[in-house]
Amino acid sequence: MADASRTVEQVLDSTLESVDQAERLTLEVARESGFGEEDLDRIGMSVRECMVNAVVHGNRYNAKKKVRLSLSRTPERLTIRIADQGEGFDPDAVPDPVATDNLFRQSGRGVFLMKTFMDDLQVRRLESGTEVTLVKNLAPKGMSSV
């Protein structure tokens, strides 16, 4: 199954239940792709952080606003796109969570974790909302990803 390409798209409500749903679906596709347990943990946490940002900060739990999830798998990588309908944000304006002044803040680590755990992270402003693209490369057979 890891050699086949696959794309899955879903439109989700702005609820924390949708966060769980997105993580489950992403991990199903990632597992089918052949990712190991460590990468599955990293992918799951990245999707969870991104979805929470979309639901809580982007759409602000607004029942009229949706979150779009797109998963694209190829033999080389898994690409995850999560788009909200919120006001948007500048990822460069997010405070550094490892700076001394921010170490004890209760929020602000999501983007940092996504950048750390994924091979690529891109943020794109949409006409209405923000789209975050997360990419995790699949290590060639016989090699483990770091």
Foldseek 3Di string as FASTA:
>chain_A
DLADKDKDKDKAFLDLVVLVVLLVVVLVVVVVNPADPVLNVLVSLLSSLVSCCQSCVFVNNPRVKIWMWMWIHHSWKIKIKIKTQGDDDDPVPQDDCPPPVNVPPPDRCNVVSQVVSFPDWDWDDDPGTIMIMTMHTDDPPPDHDD
